[in-house]
Structures are given as structure tokens and as C-alpha cells.
């Protein structure tokens, strides 16, 4: 659960959806992250990957 914000633009985006004080190209990722944070009840709830990994993942 989000209890407060330091960035007023981020708070406005979270509460109203306005993109006026954030980079509009970041809106989709921010919405995903803020929703996950708001629904998290413990730190382990945030262990989900934010983006898909790319490239050779075999280690070689």
C-alpha cells in the first residue's frame, strides 16, 4: 500500500491519471509499478519482473 509520495507529479498521475508532470512515454511502466506497489503487502510482493529479459541468457 502506498502511504505517501515525494514527487507531486507522480502522485497526481497515480491519483488522477494526469501526465502533465511526468514523461508521457513512462506512463505505462509507471502505472504497472504503482499498481503493484499499491497492492503489495510485504516486500516479497515486488519480486515480479518488470520487463522481459533479452539476449543470450545461457551464460555463454
Protein backbone atom coordinates (compact mmCIF):
# COMPACT_ATOMS: atom_id res chain seq x y z
CA UNK A 1 0.00 0.00 0.00
CA UNK A 2 1.37 3.39 -0.96
CA UNK A 3 1.29 5.75 2.02
CA UNK A 4 2.84 8.87 0.51
CA UNK A 5 4.73 10.45 -2.37
CA UNK A 6 7.76 12.73 -2.56
CA UNK A 7 7.13 13.63 -6.20
CA UNK A 8 3.95 15.65 -6.73
CA UNK A 9 3.72 14.75 -10.40
CA UNK A 10 3.90 11.05 -9.63
CA UNK A 11 1.21 11.42 -7.00
CA UNK A 12 -1.04 13.31 -9.43
CA UNK A 13 -0.51 10.60 -12.05
CA UNK A 14 -1.36 7.87 -9.51
CA UNK A 15 -4.47 9.60 -8.19
CA UNK A 16 -5.91 11.24 -11.34
CA UNK A 17 -4.03 9.82 -14.32
CA UNK A 18 -2.67 13.20 -15.41
CA UNK A 19 0.64 13.00 -17.25
CA UNK A 20 1.43 16.71 -17.02
CA UNK A 21 4.37 16.36 -14.58
CA UNK A 22 5.85 13.05 -15.76
CA UNK A 23 7.39 11.89 -19.03
CA UNK A 24 4.40 10.58 -21.02
CA UNK A 25 6.50 7.76 -22.51
CA UNK A 26 6.97 6.39 -18.96
CA UNK A 27 3.25 6.32 -18.16
CA UNK A 28 2.61 2.65 -18.94
CA UNK A 29 5.52 1.35 -16.85
CA UNK A 30 4.75 3.77 -14.03
CA UNK A 31 1.12 2.64 -13.96
CA UNK A 32 2.24 -1.02 -13.71
CA UNK A 33 4.77 -0.30 -10.95
CA UNK A 34 2.48 1.97 -8.94
CA UNK A 35 -0.36 -0.56 -9.12
CA UNK A 36 1.97 -3.33 -7.94
CA UNK A 37 3.25 -1.13 -5.10
CA UNK A 38 -0.23 -0.17 -4.05
CA UNK A 39 -1.35 -3.81 -3.88
CA UNK A 40 1.82 -5.10 -2.17
CA UNK A 41 1.53 -6.02 1.48
CA UNK A 42 5.13 -7.17 2.01
CA UNK A 43 8.44 -6.57 0.18
CA UNK A 44 8.36 -10.04 -1.43
CA UNK A 45 5.26 -8.99 -3.36
CA UNK A 46 7.52 -6.79 -5.52
CA UNK A 47 9.68 -9.68 -6.80
CA UNK A 48 7.85 -9.87 -10.14
CA UNK A 49 9.95 -8.94 -13.21
CA UNK A 50 9.24 -5.50 -14.66
CA UNK A 51 10.35 -6.35 -18.19
CA UNK A 52 11.30 -9.40 -20.22
CA UNK A 53 14.95 -10.32 -20.39
CA UNK A 54 16.59 -10.18 -23.82
CA UNK A 55 19.66 -11.68 -25.42
CA UNK A 56 21.60 -14.84 -24.78
CA UNK A 57 20.56 -15.98 -21.31
CA UNK A 58 22.53 -19.24 -21.36
CA UNK A 59 25.54 -17.55 -19.76
CA UNK A 60 27.87 -18.33 -22.61
